[in-house]
Amino acid sequence: MNDGANVLALHRWTNSGHDLVIIVSLANLDFDAYDLGLPQGGLWYEVLNGDAAAYGGRNNGNGGSVTASE
């Protein structure tokens, strides 16, 4: 949790053991760069982006995925 930026991150697992990371920003701000540790490096897919135009948002996001460093 980052109280100052109103960001919350949760690490969960699916029934098959895959990692699931849920990141929520309650700040109503755009972060141009935000470092967040993920469980492992590689390609991570964005499943839901509440800021997408389909949900009435500003359509900012990660283009559907992000590559995490090792």
PDB file of N, CA and C in Angstrom:
ATOM      1  N   MET A   1       0.844  -1.171   0.000  1.00  0.00           N
ATOM      2  CA  MET A   1       0.000   0.000   0.000  1.00  0.00           C
ATOM      3  C   MET A   1       0.891   1.237   0.000  1.00  0.00           C
ATOM      4  N   ASN A   2       0.473   2.228  -0.741  1.00  0.00           N
ATOM      5  CA  ASN A   2       1.139   3.517  -0.775  1.00  0.00           C
ATOM      6  C   ASN A   2       0.101   4.562  -0.399  1.00  0.00           C
ATOM      7  N   ASP A   3       0.018   4.862   0.902  1.00  0.00           N
ATOM      8  CA  ASP A   3      -1.000   5.793   1.385  1.00  0.00           C
ATOM      9  C   ASP A   3      -0.891   7.171   0.748  1.00  0.00           C
ATOM     10  N   GLY A   4       0.345   7.638   0.539  1.00  0.00           N
ATOM     11  CA  GLY A   4       0.533   8.974  -0.016  1.00  0.00           C
ATOM     12  C   GLY A   4      -0.012   9.119  -1.429  1.00  0.00           C
ATOM     13  N   ALA A   5       0.073   8.070  -2.218  1.00  0.00           N
ATOM     14  CA  ALA A   5      -0.408   8.121  -3.606  1.00  0.00           C
ATOM     15  C   ALA A   5      -1.775   7.457  -3.766  1.00  0.00           C
ATOM     16  N   ASN A   6      -2.332   6.919  -2.680  1.00  0.00           N
ATOM     17  CA  ASN A   6      -3.615   6.210  -2.713  1.00  0.00           C
ATOM     18  C   ASN A   6      -3.599   5.032  -3.684  1.00  0.00           C
ATOM     19  N   VAL A   7      -2.519   4.233  -3.626  1.00  0.00           N
ATOM     20  CA  VAL A   7      -2.369   3.058  -4.473  1.00  0.00           C
ATOM     21  C   VAL A   7      -2.340   1.818  -3.590  1.00  0.00           C
ATOM     22  N   LEU A   8      -3.070   0.800  -4.020  1.00  0.00           N
ATOM     23  CA  LEU A   8      -3.135  -0.466  -3.302  1.00  0.00           C
ATOM     24  C   LEU A   8      -2.807  -1.586  -4.278  1.00  0.00           C
ATOM     25  N   ALA A   9      -1.935  -2.509  -3.881  1.00  0.00           N
ATOM     26  CA  ALA A   9      -1.584  -3.657  -4.723  1.00  0.00           C
ATOM     27  C   ALA A   9      -1.774  -4.934  -3.913  1.00  0.00           C
ATOM     28  N   LEU A  10      -2.409  -5.924  -4.523  1.00  0.00           N
ATOM     29  CA  LEU A  10      -2.655  -7.217  -3.888  1.00  0.00           C
ATOM     30  C   LEU A  10      -2.083  -8.316  -4.765  1.00  0.00           C
ATOM     31  N   HIS A  11      -1.491  -9.315  -4.156  1.00  0.00           N
ATOM     32  CA  HIS A  11      -0.969 -10.474  -4.881  1.00  0.00           C
ATOM     33  C   HIS A  11      -1.815 -11.676  -4.493  1.00  0.00           C
ATOM     34  N   ARG A  12      -2.454 -12.278  -5.477  1.00  0.00           N
ATOM     35  CA  ARG A  12      -3.315 -13.445  -5.261  1.00  0.00           C
ATOM     36  C   ARG A  12      -2.874 -14.542  -6.227  1.00  0.00           C
ATOM     37  N   TRP A  13      -3.489 -15.705  -6.114  1.00  0.00           N
ATOM     38  CA  TRP A  13      -3.182 -16.833  -6.990  1.00  0.00           C
ATOM     39  C   TRP A  13      -4.473 -17.448  -7.501  1.00  0.00           C
ATOM     40  N   THR A  14      -4.436 -17.927  -8.745  1.00  0.00           N
ATOM     41  CA  THR A  14      -5.590 -18.633  -9.282  1.00  0.00           C
ATOM     42  C   THR A  14      -5.594 -20.056  -8.736  1.00  0.00           C
ATOM     43  N   ASN A  15      -6.669 -20.789  -8.968  1.00  0.00           N
ATOM     44  CA  ASN A  15      -6.753 -22.184  -8.521  1.00  0.00           C
ATOM     45  C   ASN A  15      -5.665 -23.050  -9.139  1.00  0.00           C
ATOM     46  N   SER A  16      -5.188 -22.661 -10.320  1.00  0.00           N
ATOM     47  CA  SER A  16      -4.135 -23.433 -10.984  1.00  0.00           C
ATOM     48  C   SER A  16      -2.732 -22.945 -10.611  1.00  0.00           C
ATOM     49  N   GLY A  17      -2.642 -21.998  -9.677  1.00  0.00           N
ATOM     50  CA  GLY A  17      -1.351 -21.546  -9.186  1.00  0.00           C
ATOM     51  C   GLY A  17      -0.724 -20.373  -9.911  1.00  0.00           C
ATOM     52  N   HIS A  18      -1.422 -19.785 -10.866  1.00  0.00           N
ATOM     53  CA  HIS A  18      -0.894 -18.620 -11.580  1.00  0.00           C
ATOM     54  C   HIS A  18      -0.997 -17.371 -10.713  1.00  0.00           C
ATOM     55  N   ASP A  19      -0.011 -16.497 -10.850  1.00  0.00           N
ATOM     56  CA  ASP A  19      -0.022 -15.238 -10.109  1.00  0.00           C
ATOM     57  C   ASP A  19      -1.051 -14.280 -10.684  1.00  0.00           C
ATOM     58  N   LEU A  20      -1.687 -13.536  -9.803  1.00  0.00           N
ATOM     59  CA  LEU A  20      -2.623 -12.482 -10.177  1.00  0.00           C
ATOM     60  C   LEU A  20      -2.297 -11.282  -9.304  1.00  0.00           C
ATOM     61  N   VAL A  21      -1.997 -10.156  -9.925  1.00  0.00           N
ATOM     62  CA  VAL A  21      -1.693  -8.936  -9.182  1.00  0.00           C
ATOM     63  C   VAL A  21      -2.783  -7.925  -9.490  1.00  0.00           C
ATOM     64  N   ILE A  22      -3.388  -7.396  -8.446  1.00  0.00           N
ATOM     65  CA  ILE A  22      -4.450  -6.400  -8.583  1.00  0.00           C
ATOM     66  C   ILE A  22      -3.885  -5.080  -8.084  1.00  0.00           C
ATOM     67  N   ILE A  23      -3.891  -4.081  -8.955  1.00  0.00           N
ATOM     68  CA  ILE A  23      -3.351  -2.769  -8.609  1.00  0.00           C
ATOM     69  C   ILE A  23      -4.474  -1.751  -8.770  1.00  0.00           C
ATOM     70  N   VAL A  24      -4.740  -1.015  -7.712  1.00  0.00           N
ATOM     71  CA  VAL A  24      -5.836  -0.052  -7.702  1.00  0.00           C
ATOM     72  C   VAL A  24      -5.297   1.312  -7.296  1.00  0.00           C
ATOM     73  N   SER A  25      -5.616   2.314  -8.094  1.00  0.00           N
ATOM     74  CA  SER A  25      -5.294   3.689  -7.732  1.00  0.00           C
ATOM     75  C   SER A  25      -6.603   4.403  -7.435  1.00  0.00           C
ATOM     76  N   LEU A  26      -6.692   4.952  -6.263  1.00  0.00           N
ATOM     77  CA  LEU A  26      -7.882   5.706  -5.862  1.00  0.00           C
ATOM     78  C   LEU A  26      -7.632   7.209  -5.909  1.00  0.00           C
ATOM     79  N   ALA A  27      -6.540   7.600  -6.540  1.00  0.00           N
ATOM     80  CA  ALA A  27      -6.126   9.002  -6.550  1.00  0.00           C
ATOM     81  C   ALA A  27      -6.765   9.817  -7.664  1.00  0.00           C
ATOM     82  N   ASN A  28      -7.344   9.166  -8.680  1.00  0.00           N
ATOM     83  CA  ASN A  28      -7.898   9.854  -9.834  1.00  0.00           C
ATOM     84  C   ASN A  28      -6.838  10.726 -10.519  1.00  0.00           C
ATOM     85  N   LEU A  29      -5.609  10.188 -10.537  1.00  0.00           N
ATOM     86  CA  LEU A  29      -4.478  10.854 -11.177  1.00  0.00           C
ATOM     87  C   LEU A  29      -3.835   9.896 -12.167  1.00  0.00           C
ATOM     88  N   ASP A  30      -3.144  10.441 -13.155  1.00  0.00           N
ATOM     89  CA  ASP A  30      -2.353   9.631 -14.070  1.00  0.00           C
ATOM     90  C   ASP A  30      -0.924   9.568 -13.531  1.00  0.00           C
ATOM     91  N   PHE A  31      -0.351   8.371 -13.474  1.00  0.00           N
ATOM     92  CA  PHE A  31       1.036   8.190 -13.087  1.00  0.00           C
ATOM     93  C   PHE A  31       1.832   7.894 -14.351  1.00  0.00           C
ATOM     94  N   ASP A  32       2.699   8.823 -14.750  1.00  0.00           N
ATOM     95  CA  ASP A  32       3.516   8.608 -15.949  1.00  0.00           C
ATOM     96  C   ASP A  32       4.536   7.498 -15.732  1.00  0.00           C
ATOM     97  N   ALA A  33       5.020   7.377 -14.520  1.00  0.00           N
ATOM     98  CA  ALA A  33       5.983   6.327 -14.171  1.00  0.00           C
ATOM     99  C   ALA A  33       5.723   5.935 -12.721  1.00  0.00           C
ATOM    100  N   TYR A  34       5.502   4.652 -12.508  1.00  0.00           N
ATOM    101  CA  TYR A  34       5.249   4.166 -11.149  1.00  0.00           C
ATOM    102  C   TYR A  34       5.917   2.807 -11.035  1.00  0.00           C
ATOM    103  N   ASP A  35       6.911   2.703 -10.166  1.00  0.00           N
ATOM    104  CA  ASP A  35       7.622   1.434  -9.981  1.00  0.00           C
ATOM    105  C   ASP A  35       6.889   0.579  -8.965  1.00  0.00           C
ATOM    106  N   LEU A  36       6.629  -0.643  -9.369  1.00  0.00           N
ATOM    107  CA  LEU A  36       5.924  -1.590  -8.507  1.00  0.00           C
ATOM    108  C   LEU A  36       6.544  -2.959  -8.716  1.00  0.00           C
ATOM    109  N   GLY A  37       6.953  -3.606  -7.653  1.00  0.00           N
ATOM    110  CA  GLY A  37       7.531  -4.934  -7.773  1.00  0.00           C
ATOM    111  C   GLY A  37       6.471  -5.979  -8.095  1.00  0.00           C
ATOM    112  N   LEU A  38       6.758  -6.830  -9.045  1.00  0.00           N
ATOM    113  CA  LEU A  38       5.875  -7.943  -9.391  1.00  0.00           C
ATOM    114  C   LEU A  38       6.563  -9.251  -8.987  1.00  0.00           C
ATOM    115  N   PRO A  39       5.811 -10.321  -8.799  1.00  0.00           N
ATOM    116  CA  PRO A  39       6.389 -11.575  -8.311  1.00  0.00           C
ATOM    117  C   PRO A  39       7.496 -12.155  -9.184  1.00  0.00           C
ATOM    118  N   GLN A  40       7.466 -11.872 -10.481  1.00  0.00           N
ATOM    119  CA  GLN A  40       8.516 -12.371 -11.373  1.00  0.00           C
ATOM    120  C   GLN A  40       8.594 -11.484 -12.608  1.00  0.00           C
ATOM    121  N   GLY A  41       9.759 -11.515 -13.255  1.00  0.00           N
ATOM    122  CA  GLY A  41       9.949 -10.733 -14.463  1.00  0.00           C
ATOM    123  C   GLY A  41       9.230 -11.368 -15.640  1.00  0.00           C
ATOM    124  N   GLY A  42       9.086 -10.588 -16.702  1.00  0.00           N
ATOM    125  CA  GLY A  42       8.453 -11.079 -17.909  1.00  0.00           C
ATOM    126  C   GLY A  42       7.191 -10.319 -18.252  1.00  0.00           C
ATOM    127  N   LEU A  43       6.437 -10.862 -19.168  1.00  0.00           N
ATOM    128  CA  LEU A  43       5.233 -10.220 -19.681  1.00  0.00           C
ATOM    129  C   LEU A  43       4.047 -10.467 -18.757  1.00  0.00           C
ATOM    130  N   TRP A  44       3.377  -9.399 -18.374  1.00  0.00           N
ATOM    131  CA  TRP A  44       2.165  -9.449 -17.556  1.00  0.00           C
ATOM    132  C   TRP A  44       1.041  -8.808 -18.355  1.00  0.00           C
ATOM    133  N   TYR A  45      -0.111  -9.455 -18.385  1.00  0.00           N
ATOM    134  CA  TYR A  45      -1.240  -8.956 -19.164  1.00  0.00           C
ATOM    135  C   TYR A  45      -2.196  -8.150 -18.296  1.00  0.00           C
ATOM    136  N   GLU A  46      -2.693  -7.084 -18.869  1.00  0.00           N
ATOM    137  CA  GLU A  46      -3.693  -6.256 -18.218  1.00  0.00           C
ATOM    138  C   GLU A  46      -5.064  -6.859 -18.534  1.00  0.00           C
ATOM    139  N   VAL A  47      -5.780  -7.284 -17.514  1.00  0.00           N
ATOM    140  CA  VAL A  47      -7.075  -7.926 -17.707  1.00  0.00           C
ATOM    141  C   VAL A  47      -8.201  -6.898 -17.679  1.00  0.00           C
ATOM    142  N   LEU A  48      -8.100  -5.921 -16.798  1.00  0.00           N
ATOM    143  CA  LEU A  48      -9.137  -4.905 -16.668  1.00  0.00           C
ATOM    144  C   LEU A  48      -8.478  -3.567 -16.376  1.00  0.00           C
ATOM    145  N   ASN A  49      -8.881  -2.551 -17.100  1.00  0.00           N
ATOM    146  CA  ASN A  49      -8.401  -1.197 -16.859  1.00  0.00           C
ATOM    147  C   ASN A  49      -9.624  -0.308 -16.712  1.00  0.00           C
ATOM    148  N   GLY A  50      -9.911   0.079 -15.491  1.00  0.00           N
ATOM    149  CA  GLY A  50     -11.077   0.909 -15.221  1.00  0.00           C
ATOM    150  C   GLY A  50     -10.989   2.300 -15.823  1.00  0.00           C
ATOM    151  N   ASP A  51      -9.811   2.689 -16.296  1.00  0.00           N
ATOM    152  CA  ASP A  51      -9.642   3.993 -16.931  1.00  0.00           C
ATOM    153  C   ASP A  51      -9.841   3.914 -18.442  1.00  0.00           C
ATOM    154  N   ALA A  52     -10.227   2.749 -18.948  1.00  0.00           N
ATOM    155  CA  ALA A  52     -10.473   2.577 -20.382  1.00  0.00           C
ATOM    156  C   ALA A  52     -11.706   3.383 -20.810  1.00  0.00           C
ATOM    157  N   ALA A  53     -11.723   3.789 -22.057  1.00  0.00           N
ATOM    158  CA  ALA A  53     -12.850   4.563 -22.584  1.00  0.00           C
ATOM    159  C   ALA A  53     -14.155   3.785 -22.469  1.00  0.00           C
ATOM    160  N   ALA A  54     -14.095   2.470 -22.574  1.00  0.00           N
ATOM    161  CA  ALA A  54     -15.305   1.635 -22.475  1.00  0.00           C
ATOM    162  C   ALA A  54     -15.997   1.788 -21.122  1.00  0.00           C
ATOM    163  N   TYR A  55     -15.243   2.208 -20.109  1.00  0.00           N
ATOM    164  CA  TYR A  55     -15.802   2.395 -18.761  1.00  0.00           C
ATOM    165  C   TYR A  55     -15.967   3.870 -18.418  1.00  0.00           C
ATOM    166  N   GLY A  56     -15.832   4.728 -19.411  1.00  0.00           N
ATOM    167  CA  GLY A  56     -15.995   6.160 -19.182  1.00  0.00           C
ATOM    168  C   GLY A  56     -14.720   6.850 -18.719  1.00  0.00           C
ATOM    169  N   GLY A  57     -13.587   6.174 -18.826  1.00  0.00           N
ATOM    170  CA  GLY A  57     -12.316   6.733 -18.378  1.00  0.00           C
ATOM    171  C   GLY A  57     -11.615   7.547 -19.446  1.00  0.00           C
ATOM    172  N   ARG A  58     -10.403   7.948 -19.123  1.00  0.00           N
ATOM    173  CA  ARG A  58      -9.601   8.792 -20.018  1.00  0.00           C
ATOM    174  C   ARG A  58      -8.836   7.973 -21.053  1.00  0.00           C
ATOM    175  N   ASN A  59      -8.991   6.663 -21.018  1.00  0.00           N
ATOM    176  CA  ASN A  59      -8.369   5.734 -21.967  1.00  0.00           C
ATOM    177  C   ASN A  59      -6.842   5.701 -21.851  1.00  0.00           C
ATOM    178  N   ASN A  60      -6.346   5.849 -20.632  1.00  0.00           N
ATOM    179  CA  ASN A  60      -4.919   5.718 -20.360  1.00  0.00           C
ATOM    180  C   ASN A  60      -4.675   4.302 -19.854  1.00  0.00           C
ATOM    181  N   GLY A  61      -3.539   3.746 -20.191  1.00  0.00           N
ATOM    182  CA  GLY A  61      -3.236   2.388 -19.717  1.00  0.00           C
ATOM    183  C   GLY A  61      -1.898   1.923 -20.211  1.00  0.00           C
ATOM    184  N   ASN A  62      -1.712   0.631 -20.197  1.00  0.00           N
ATOM    185  CA  ASN A  62      -0.449   0.016 -20.575  1.00  0.00           C
ATOM    186  C   ASN A  62      -0.520  -0.703 -21.912  1.00  0.00           C
ATOM    187  N   GLY A  63      -1.542  -0.452 -22.683  1.00  0.00           N
ATOM    188  CA  GLY A  63      -1.665  -1.103 -23.976  1.00  0.00           C
ATOM    189  C   GLY A  63      -1.952  -2.591 -23.868  1.00  0.00           C
ATOM    190  N   GLY A  64      -2.464  -3.033 -22.732  1.00  0.00           N
ATOM    191  CA  GLY A  64      -2.851  -4.429 -22.558  1.00  0.00           C
ATOM    192  C   GLY A  64      -1.813  -5.307 -21.889  1.00  0.00           C
ATOM    193  N   SER A  65      -0.588  -4.787 -21.727  1.00  0.00           N
ATOM    194  CA  SER A  65       0.432  -5.593 -21.051  1.00  0.00           C
ATOM    195  C   SER A  65       1.558  -4.696 -20.559  1.00  0.00           C
ATOM    196  N   VAL A  66       2.390  -5.274 -19.717  1.00  0.00           N
ATOM    197  CA  VAL A  66       3.585  -4.609 -19.214  1.00  0.00           C
ATOM    198  C   VAL A  66       4.669  -5.665 -19.041  1.00  0.00           C
ATOM    199  N   THR A  67       5.914  -5.284 -19.293  1.00  0.00           N
ATOM    200  CA  THR A  67       7.029  -6.222 -19.114  1.00  0.00           C
ATOM    201  C   THR A  67       7.769  -5.841 -17.835  1.00  0.00           C
ATOM    202  N   ALA A  68       7.800  -6.767 -16.897  1.00  0.00           N
ATOM    203  CA  ALA A  68       8.463  -6.543 -15.622  1.00  0.00           C
ATOM    204  C   ALA A  68       9.928  -6.972 -15.700  1.00  0.00           C
ATOM    205  N   SER A  69      10.794  -6.244 -15.037  1.00  0.00           N
ATOM    206  CA  SER A  69      12.214  -6.598 -14.963  1.00  0.00           C
ATOM    207  C   SER A  69      12.393  -7.782 -14.033  1.00  0.00           C
ATOM    208  N   GLU A  70      13.478  -8.518 -14.238  1.00  0.00           N
ATOM    209  CA  GLU A  70      13.800  -9.646 -13.340  1.00  0.00           C
ATOM    210  C   GLU A  70      14.133  -9.132 -11.973  1.00  0.00           C
TER     211      GLU A  70
END
